[in-house]
Amino acid sequence: MSEQERTETAQSQPEAQSQLEAQSQAEIENQSEAQNQPELQSHPGGLTPVERRILEVERRRFKHQGSKEKAIIAAGFTPIAYYQRLNVMLDDERVRAAAPQIIDVLRARRDAD
């Protein structure tokens, strides 16, 4: 790699990083809107992308302490927001119709406390 290519690469990396940050911020704003208006963002299967991501995390098994929290953060949520949204989803019959087994297990776990 020539010196000029290294310089161009070094200059383009901060630009690419700022573009990624802007895209991430836009996705977060879209998620907030989707959470507030799930009917507008419905997709085949009746679930929003946010709801599908939450169910994907809940379907996984975690062996180590902290692994689930890392998965929640990787899915784009803070743990508090994640569990608030999950709790609302457990009472939503539309979500139960899409994933009855996992929702029944999670409802039983919540109601046992």
C-alpha atoms as a PDB file:
ATOM      1  CA  MET A   1       0.000   0.000   0.000  1.00  0.00           C
ATOM      2  CA  SER A   2       1.448   3.346  -0.975  1.00  0.00           C
ATOM      3  CA  GLU A   3       1.710   6.335   1.340  1.00  0.00           C
ATOM      4  CA  GLN A   4      -1.054   8.110  -0.584  1.00  0.00           C
ATOM      5  CA  GLU A   5      -3.398   5.117  -0.192  1.00  0.00           C
ATOM      6  CA  ARG A   6      -2.682   5.000   3.547  1.00  0.00           C
ATOM      7  CA  THR A   7      -3.459   8.693   3.863  1.00  0.00           C
ATOM      8  CA  GLU A   8      -6.697   8.336   1.910  1.00  0.00           C
ATOM      9  CA  THR A   9      -7.707   5.337   4.003  1.00  0.00           C
ATOM     10  CA  ALA A  10      -6.926   7.158   7.239  1.00  0.00           C
ATOM     11  CA  GLN A  11      -8.982  10.148   6.105  1.00  0.00           C
ATOM     12  CA  SER A  12     -11.925   8.038   4.977  1.00  0.00           C
ATOM     13  CA  GLN A  13     -12.137   6.038   8.229  1.00  0.00           C
ATOM     14  CA  PRO A  14     -13.369   8.945  10.390  1.00  0.00           C
ATOM     15  CA  GLU A  15     -15.871   9.829   7.668  1.00  0.00           C
ATOM     16  CA  ALA A  16     -17.105   6.249   7.539  1.00  0.00           C
ATOM     17  CA  GLN A  17     -17.346   6.183  11.340  1.00  0.00           C
ATOM     18  CA  SER A  18     -19.409   9.371  11.411  1.00  0.00           C
ATOM     19  CA  GLN A  19     -21.683   7.962   8.692  1.00  0.00           C
ATOM     20  CA  LEU A  20     -22.185   4.788  10.747  1.00  0.00           C
ATOM     21  CA  GLU A  21     -22.967   6.854  13.828  1.00  0.00           C
ATOM     22  CA  ALA A  22     -25.512   8.896  11.869  1.00  0.00           C
ATOM     23  CA  GLN A  23     -27.111   5.701  10.537  1.00  0.00           C
ATOM     24  CA  SER A  24     -27.199   4.228  14.046  1.00  0.00           C
ATOM     25  CA  GLN A  25     -28.850   7.370  15.397  1.00  0.00           C
ATOM     26  CA  ALA A  26     -31.440   7.252  12.603  1.00  0.00           C
ATOM     27  CA  GLU A  27     -32.146   3.581  13.392  1.00  0.00           C
ATOM     28  CA  ILE A  28     -32.613   4.390  17.073  1.00  0.00           C
ATOM     29  CA  GLU A  29     -35.061   7.159  16.195  1.00  0.00           C
ATOM     30  CA  ASN A  30     -36.922   4.801  13.861  1.00  0.00           C
ATOM     31  CA  GLN A  31     -37.069   2.179  16.621  1.00  0.00           C
ATOM     32  CA  SER A  32     -38.551   4.725  18.997  1.00  0.00           C
ATOM     33  CA  GLU A  33     -41.198   5.603  16.449  1.00  0.00           C
ATOM     34  CA  ALA A  34     -41.875   1.917  15.783  1.00  0.00           C
ATOM     35  CA  GLN A  35     -42.265   1.286  19.507  1.00  0.00           C
ATOM     36  CA  ASN A  36     -44.749   4.121  19.809  1.00  0.00           C
ATOM     37  CA  GLN A  37     -46.673   3.185  16.659  1.00  0.00           C
ATOM     38  CA  PRO A  38     -46.370  -0.580  16.106  1.00  0.00           C
ATOM     39  CA  GLU A  39     -49.419  -0.696  13.811  1.00  0.00           C
ATOM     40  CA  LEU A  40     -47.659   1.486  11.258  1.00  0.00           C
ATOM     41  CA  GLN A  41     -44.575  -0.744  11.131  1.00  0.00           C
ATOM     42  CA  SER A  42     -46.283  -4.152  10.986  1.00  0.00           C
ATOM     43  CA  HIS A  43     -44.766  -6.719   8.694  1.00  0.00           C
ATOM     44  CA  PRO A  44     -45.750 -10.200   7.548  1.00  0.00           C
ATOM     45  CA  GLY A  45     -46.258 -12.329  10.617  1.00  0.00           C
ATOM     46  CA  GLY A  46     -47.760  -9.353  12.444  1.00  0.00           C
ATOM     47  CA  LEU A  47     -44.619  -8.347  14.348  1.00  0.00           C
ATOM     48  CA  THR A  48     -42.527  -5.228  14.070  1.00  0.00           C
ATOM     49  CA  PRO A  49     -38.757  -5.554  13.585  1.00  0.00           C
ATOM     50  CA  VAL A  50     -38.269  -4.455  17.209  1.00  0.00           C
ATOM     51  CA  GLU A  51     -40.599  -7.184  18.468  1.00  0.00           C
ATOM     52  CA  ARG A  52     -38.874  -9.810  16.329  1.00  0.00           C
ATOM     53  CA  ARG A  53     -35.454  -8.812  17.720  1.00  0.00           C
ATOM     54  CA  ILE A  54     -36.733  -9.085  21.289  1.00  0.00           C
ATOM     55  CA  LEU A  55     -38.184 -12.532  20.628  1.00  0.00           C
ATOM     56  CA  GLU A  56     -34.913 -13.619  19.023  1.00  0.00           C
ATOM     57  CA  VAL A  57     -33.053 -12.691  22.215  1.00  0.00           C
ATOM     58  CA  GLU A  58     -35.638 -14.459  24.385  1.00  0.00           C
ATOM     59  CA  ARG A  59     -35.380 -17.658  22.324  1.00  0.00           C
ATOM     60  CA  ARG A  60     -31.654 -17.926  23.007  1.00  0.00           C
ATOM     61  CA  ARG A  61     -30.123 -19.757  25.973  1.00  0.00           C
ATOM     62  CA  PHE A  62     -27.409 -18.014  27.971  1.00  0.00           C
ATOM     63  CA  LYS A  63     -24.826 -19.982  29.931  1.00  0.00           C
ATOM     64  CA  HIS A  64     -22.840 -17.209  31.550  1.00  0.00           C
ATOM     65  CA  GLN A  65     -23.828 -14.349  33.788  1.00  0.00           C
ATOM     66  CA  GLY A  66     -24.001 -11.117  31.792  1.00  0.00           C
ATOM     67  CA  SER A  67     -24.349 -12.841  28.424  1.00  0.00           C
ATOM     68  CA  LYS A  68     -28.009 -11.929  28.052  1.00  0.00           C
ATOM     69  CA  GLU A  69     -27.317  -8.303  28.917  1.00  0.00           C
ATOM     70  CA  LYS A  70     -24.640  -8.213  26.228  1.00  0.00           C
ATOM     71  CA  ALA A  71     -27.104  -9.712  23.732  1.00  0.00           C
ATOM     72  CA  ILE A  72     -29.701  -7.099  24.701  1.00  0.00           C
ATOM     73  CA  ILE A  73     -27.227  -4.297  24.121  1.00  0.00           C
ATOM     74  CA  ALA A  74     -26.107  -5.871  20.831  1.00  0.00           C
ATOM     75  CA  ALA A  75     -29.761  -5.939  19.757  1.00  0.00           C
ATOM     76  CA  GLY A  76     -29.842  -2.164  20.213  1.00  0.00           C
ATOM     77  CA  PHE A  77     -31.590  -1.757  23.566  1.00  0.00           C
ATOM     78  CA  THR A  78     -30.748  -0.674  27.051  1.00  0.00           C
ATOM     79  CA  PRO A  79     -31.708  -3.432  29.504  1.00  0.00           C
ATOM     80  CA  ILE A  80     -34.417  -1.267  31.092  1.00  0.00           C
ATOM     81  CA  ALA A  81     -36.029  -0.374  27.755  1.00  0.00           C
ATOM     82  CA  TYR A  82     -35.752  -3.996  26.640  1.00  0.00           C
ATOM     83  CA  TYR A  83     -37.610  -5.374  29.659  1.00  0.00           C
ATOM     84  CA  GLN A  84     -40.232  -2.625  29.540  1.00  0.00           C
ATOM     85  CA  ARG A  85     -40.962  -3.435  25.911  1.00  0.00           C
ATOM     86  CA  LEU A  86     -40.939  -7.185  26.599  1.00  0.00           C
ATOM     87  CA  ASN A  87     -43.465  -6.738  29.395  1.00  0.00           C
ATOM     88  CA  VAL A  88     -45.819  -4.868  27.060  1.00  0.00           C
ATOM     89  CA  MET A  89     -45.343  -7.572  24.420  1.00  0.00           C
ATOM     90  CA  LEU A  90     -46.330 -10.318  26.875  1.00  0.00           C
ATOM     91  CA  ASP A  91     -49.793  -8.757  27.183  1.00  0.00           C
ATOM     92  CA  ASP A  92     -50.215  -8.291  23.418  1.00  0.00           C
ATOM     93  CA  GLU A  93     -52.336 -11.036  21.842  1.00  0.00           C
ATOM     94  CA  ARG A  94     -50.884 -10.222  18.432  1.00  0.00           C
ATOM     95  CA  VAL A  95     -47.420 -11.173  19.688  1.00  0.00           C
ATOM     96  CA  ARG A  96     -48.785 -14.309  21.375  1.00  0.00           C
ATOM     97  CA  ALA A  97     -50.403 -15.370  18.093  1.00  0.00           C
ATOM     98  CA  ALA A  98     -47.014 -15.055  16.363  1.00  0.00           C
ATOM     99  CA  ALA A  99     -44.985 -16.882  19.041  1.00  0.00           C
ATOM    100  CA  PRO A 100     -47.332 -18.700  21.441  1.00  0.00           C
ATOM    101  CA  GLN A 101     -44.839 -21.069  23.074  1.00  0.00           C
ATOM    102  CA  ILE A 102     -42.243 -18.503  24.059  1.00  0.00           C
ATOM    103  CA  ILE A 103     -44.880 -15.987  25.179  1.00  0.00           C
ATOM    104  CA  ASP A 104     -46.634 -18.582  27.365  1.00  0.00           C
ATOM    105  CA  VAL A 105     -43.323 -19.534  29.004  1.00  0.00           C
ATOM    106  CA  LEU A 106     -42.410 -15.891  29.600  1.00  0.00           C
ATOM    107  CA  ARG A 107     -45.876 -15.065  30.972  1.00  0.00           C
ATOM    108  CA  ALA A 108     -45.660 -17.996  33.408  1.00  0.00           C
ATOM    109  CA  ARG A 109     -42.197 -16.873  34.521  1.00  0.00           C
ATOM    110  CA  ARG A 110     -43.387 -13.283  35.012  1.00  0.00           C
ATOM    111  CA  ASP A 111     -46.540 -14.311  36.872  1.00  0.00           C
ATOM    112  CA  ALA A 112     -44.624 -16.669  39.188  1.00  0.00           C
ATOM    113  CA  ASP A 113     -42.821 -13.731  40.809  1.00  0.00           C
END
